[in-house]
C-alpha atoms as a PDB file:
ATOM      1  CA  UNK A   1       0.000   0.000   0.000  1.00  0.00           C
ATOM      2  CA  UNK A   2       1.474   3.353  -1.033  1.00  0.00           C
ATOM      3  CA  UNK A   3       0.912   6.420   1.107  1.00  0.00           C
ATOM      4  CA  UNK A   4       1.580   9.992   0.173  1.00  0.00           C
ATOM      5  CA  UNK A   5       2.219  12.799   2.608  1.00  0.00           C
ATOM      6  CA  UNK A   6      -1.014  14.438   1.574  1.00  0.00           C
ATOM      7  CA  UNK A   7      -3.119  11.350   2.336  1.00  0.00           C
ATOM      8  CA  UNK A   8      -1.345  10.895   5.681  1.00  0.00           C
ATOM      9  CA  UNK A   9      -1.984  14.514   6.592  1.00  0.00           C
ATOM     10  CA  UNK A  10      -5.672  14.184   5.649  1.00  0.00           C
ATOM     11  CA  UNK A  11      -5.979  11.058   7.780  1.00  0.00           C
ATOM     12  CA  UNK A  12      -4.257  12.679  10.747  1.00  0.00           C
ATOM     13  CA  UNK A  13      -6.266  15.896  10.721  1.00  0.00           C
ATOM     14  CA  UNK A  14      -9.525  13.962  10.804  1.00  0.00           C
ATOM     15  CA  UNK A  15      -8.436  12.884  14.311  1.00  0.00           C
ATOM     16  CA  UNK A  16     -11.053  13.913  16.924  1.00  0.00           C
ATOM     17  CA  UNK A  17     -12.692  16.540  14.772  1.00  0.00           C
ATOM     18  CA  UNK A  18      -9.507  18.443  14.056  1.00  0.00           C
ATOM     19  CA  UNK A  19     -10.971  19.976  10.900  1.00  0.00           C
ATOM     20  CA  UNK A  20     -13.902  21.433  12.852  1.00  0.00           C
ATOM     21  CA  UNK A  21     -11.452  23.001  15.325  1.00  0.00           C
ATOM     22  CA  UNK A  22      -9.382  24.833  12.702  1.00  0.00           C
ATOM     23  CA  UNK A  23     -11.328  28.114  13.127  1.00  0.00           C
ATOM     24  CA  UNK A  24     -10.835  27.765  16.891  1.00  0.00           C
ATOM     25  CA  UNK A  25      -7.092  27.328  16.340  1.00  0.00           C
ATOM     26  CA  UNK A  26      -6.919  30.557  14.348  1.00  0.00           C
ATOM     27  CA  UNK A  27      -8.948  32.368  17.012  1.00  0.00           C
ATOM     28  CA  UNK A  28      -6.678  30.943  19.737  1.00  0.00           C
ATOM     29  CA  UNK A  29      -3.536  32.124  17.915  1.00  0.00           C
ATOM     30  CA  UNK A  30      -5.065  35.568  17.428  1.00  0.00           C
ATOM     31  CA  UNK A  31      -5.932  35.882  21.136  1.00  0.00           C
ATOM     32  CA  UNK A  32      -2.486  34.575  22.118  1.00  0.00           C
ATOM     33  CA  UNK A  33      -0.718  37.108  19.882  1.00  0.00           C
ATOM     34  CA  UNK A  34      -2.796  39.931  21.379  1.00  0.00           C
ATOM     35  CA  UNK A  35      -1.758  38.770  24.846  1.00  0.00           C
ATOM     36  CA  UNK A  36      -5.325  38.039  25.928  1.00  0.00           C
ATOM     37  CA  UNK A  37      -4.975  34.247  26.119  1.00  0.00           C
ATOM     38  CA  UNK A  38      -2.310  33.138  28.615  1.00  0.00           C
ATOM     39  CA  UNK A  39      -0.322  30.323  27.035  1.00  0.00           C
ATOM     40  CA  UNK A  40       3.315  29.340  26.927  1.00  0.00           C
ATOM     41  CA  UNK A  41       4.935  30.003  23.568  1.00  0.00           C
ATOM     42  CA  UNK A  42       6.261  26.441  23.450  1.00  0.00           C
ATOM     43  CA  UNK A  43       2.716  25.052  23.545  1.00  0.00           C
ATOM     44  CA  UNK A  44       1.964  26.921  20.321  1.00  0.00           C
ATOM     45  CA  UNK A  45       5.272  26.789  18.474  1.00  0.00           C
ATOM     46  CA  UNK A  46       5.997  23.052  18.801  1.00  0.00           C
ATOM     47  CA  UNK A  47       2.722  21.851  17.229  1.00  0.00           C
ATOM     48  CA  UNK A  48       3.098  24.355  14.395  1.00  0.00           C
ATOM     49  CA  UNK A  49       6.684  23.235  13.745  1.00  0.00           C
ATOM     50  CA  UNK A  50       5.505  19.617  13.712  1.00  0.00           C
ATOM     51  CA  UNK A  51       2.816  20.369  11.151  1.00  0.00           C
ATOM     52  CA  UNK A  52       5.328  22.271   9.016  1.00  0.00           C
ATOM     53  CA  UNK A  53       7.721  19.301   9.205  1.00  0.00           C
ATOM     54  CA  UNK A  54       5.061  16.930   7.894  1.00  0.00           C
ATOM     55  CA  UNK A  55       4.065  19.266   5.073  1.00  0.00           C
ATOM     56  CA  UNK A  56       7.615  20.174   4.029  1.00  0.00           C
ATOM     57  CA  UNK A  57       9.424  18.101   1.392  1.00  0.00           C
ATOM     58  CA  UNK A  58      12.575  17.973   3.563  1.00  0.00           C
ATOM     59  CA  UNK A  59      12.674  15.025   5.965  1.00  0.00           C
ATOM     60  CA  UNK A  60      15.149  13.389   8.308  1.00  0.00           C
ATOM     61  CA  UNK A  61      14.179  10.087   6.727  1.00  0.00           C
ATOM     62  CA  UNK A  62      13.306  10.732   3.051  1.00  0.00           C
ATOM     63  CA  UNK A  63      10.138   9.101   1.751  1.00  0.00           C
ATOM     64  CA  UNK A  64      11.750   8.224  -1.582  1.00  0.00           C
ATOM     65  CA  UNK A  65      14.932   6.612  -0.215  1.00  0.00           C
ATOM     66  CA  UNK A  66      13.262   4.812   2.705  1.00  0.00           C
ATOM     67  CA  UNK A  67       9.568   4.488   1.820  1.00  0.00           C
ATOM     68  CA  UNK A  68       8.302   2.803   4.994  1.00  0.00           C
ATOM     69  CA  UNK A  69      10.573   4.596   7.462  1.00  0.00           C
ATOM     70  CA  UNK A  70      10.032   7.923   5.715  1.00  0.00           C
ATOM     71  CA  UNK A  71       6.314   7.670   6.317  1.00  0.00           C
ATOM     72  CA  UNK A  72       6.776   6.380   9.855  1.00  0.00           C
ATOM     73  CA  UNK A  73       8.639   9.509  10.960  1.00  0.00           C
ATOM     74  CA  UNK A  74       5.819  11.677   9.595  1.00  0.00           C
ATOM     75  CA  UNK A  75       3.242   9.556  11.434  1.00  0.00           C
ATOM     76  CA  UNK A  76       5.272   9.786  14.634  1.00  0.00           C
ATOM     77  CA  UNK A  77       5.397  13.566  14.413  1.00  0.00           C
ATOM     78  CA  UNK A  78       1.656  13.772  13.667  1.00  0.00           C
ATOM     79  CA  UNK A  79       0.812  11.412  16.533  1.00  0.00           C
ATOM     80  CA  UNK A  80       2.606  13.780  18.906  1.00  0.00           C
ATOM     81  CA  UNK A  81       1.499  17.088  17.418  1.00  0.00           C
ATOM     82  CA  UNK A  82      -2.234  16.658  16.747  1.00  0.00           C
ATOM     83  CA  UNK A  83      -3.271  15.529  20.263  1.00  0.00           C
ATOM     84  CA  UNK A  84      -1.202  18.305  21.869  1.00  0.00           C
ATOM     85  CA  UNK A  85      -2.772  20.921  19.625  1.00  0.00           C
ATOM     86  CA  UNK A  86      -6.291  19.568  20.224  1.00  0.00           C
ATOM     87  CA  UNK A  87      -5.723  19.561  23.990  1.00  0.00           C
ATOM     88  CA  UNK A  88      -4.591  23.193  23.851  1.00  0.00           C
ATOM     89  CA  UNK A  89      -7.615  24.153  21.729  1.00  0.00           C
ATOM     90  CA  UNK A  90      -9.912  22.477  24.263  1.00  0.00           C
ATOM     91  CA  UNK A  91      -8.254  24.501  27.049  1.00  0.00           C
ATOM     92  CA  UNK A  92      -8.746  27.636  24.973  1.00  0.00           C
ATOM     93  CA  UNK A  93     -12.430  26.882  24.417  1.00  0.00           C
ATOM     94  CA  UNK A  94     -12.920  26.352  28.155  1.00  0.00           C
ATOM     95  CA  UNK A  95     -11.055  29.597  28.885  1.00  0.00           C
ATOM     96  CA  UNK A  96     -13.168  31.407  26.323  1.00  0.00           C
ATOM     97  CA  UNK A  97     -16.420  30.054  27.822  1.00  0.00           C
ATOM     98  CA  UNK A  98     -15.315  31.005  31.333  1.00  0.00           C
ATOM     99  CA  UNK A  99     -14.479  34.498  30.159  1.00  0.00           C
ATOM    100  CA  UNK A 100     -17.776  34.872  28.348  1.00  0.00           C
ATOM    101  CA  UNK A 101     -19.912  33.692  31.240  1.00  0.00           C
ATOM    102  CA  UNK A 102     -17.929  35.346  34.029  1.00  0.00           C
ATOM    103  CA  UNK A 103     -18.883  38.718  32.555  1.00  0.00           C
ATOM    104  CA  UNK A 104     -22.520  37.723  33.046  1.00  0.00           C
ATOM    105  CA  UNK A 105     -21.895  36.941  36.734  1.00  0.00           C
ATOM    106  CA  UNK A 106     -22.005  33.143  36.380  1.00  0.00           C
ATOM    107  CA  UNK A 107     -19.254  30.611  36.934  1.00  0.00           C
ATOM    108  CA  UNK A 108     -18.293  27.684  34.734  1.00  0.00           C
ATOM    109  CA  UNK A 109     -17.358  24.672  36.850  1.00  0.00           C
ATOM    110  CA  UNK A 110     -17.165  21.896  34.269  1.00  0.00           C
ATOM    111  CA  UNK A 111     -17.728  22.736  30.645  1.00  0.00           C
ATOM    112  CA  UNK A 112     -18.470  20.669  27.598  1.00  0.00           C
ATOM    113  CA  UNK A 113     -18.514  22.476  24.298  1.00  0.00           C
ATOM    114  CA  UNK A 114     -21.556  21.435  22.251  1.00  0.00           C
ATOM    115  CA  UNK A 115     -22.194  22.844  18.803  1.00  0.00           C
END
């Protein structure tokens, strides 16, 4: 079975509704850059670097020279990056809900985002 980087990326981003959270990721980055959302820079930069590594044609283990191992390193990076990014987006959504409802005088104890 032959895999391309594009098909691997499509498979990985379908993980836990990643595609639906893309607008939330952009909103999170925007709030972080403004200084409104408190987050360590490492928690944002590492996932973005991982996604850039998978998309870029330059690899530590080239896909052409080592077909199976070349794909395995991309999968390893995606398996580390996507869950970390999703976890940070979930924290952001909780923070955003707390901020929204604290202005109304209510408190959010345990939140589940339902759309």
